Amino acid sequence: MARKEPVKYVAAKSSGFTDKDAVVIGVCLRRIAEQNKVGNIRSLDKDLVLQEYEAGKAPELEPYLEQDQNAAQRAYWLTQIGKMIRSVRVIIHTPKNKPKPIPRPQFVTCRGRREHGLAPTRSRVITEDVMASDPYFASAFGLQVRITKDAVRKLEHLIGMKPDAPAHMATLPSNLRAVLDEYGEELLEGAAE
């Protein structure tokens, strides 16, 4: 018989659940995962959990599910509309019939500087005028490059952990690494001049 490791369930920050809620939900989800031989609760399919609830096999989830049909319908519609907004691209045809995609808005959040106490956090959509006039947000491009470099490092690490990974998987991080390294060299050359 497999030995069960002791686990502790805690609520994720900003989830809206308490740690007590997390225990109830976590125990229920773990039971469903074990009964369906899924592995861990992160691998659970939402449809499977809903089927278990509808079949009366997960009644402890009831207090955490929206029971008002109108509110549930509205929440679902908001999810669908969000998917629609994320899924549609607008392409403007120029006189030469070359499609020109409209870029997605880039949001940047930065914490203001203050010597004493908490500093306010500001969020903005990056536009040309913001990039030209606000020094805090002018570094947004550099921040995105650092985030991309971190992501490439994580990809390289994951691929390195799997010795039998397909060769084509390694090409993406290596190509990205080459572009980022070239960008860094150009940046250093520009700073030296």
Foldseek 3Di string as FASTA:
>chain_A
DDDDDDDQFADDPPPPDGSVLRVLVLVLLQVLCVVVVQPHSVRDDPVSVVVCVVVVNRVSCVVVDDPPPVVNVVVVVVVVVVVVVVPDWDWDQDPVRDTDTDDDWDKDKDFDDDDDDGGDIDIDTDDPVCCVPPVVCVCVVVVVLVVVLVVLVVQVVVCVVDPPDDPVSNVVSVVVVVVSVVVVVVVVVVVVD
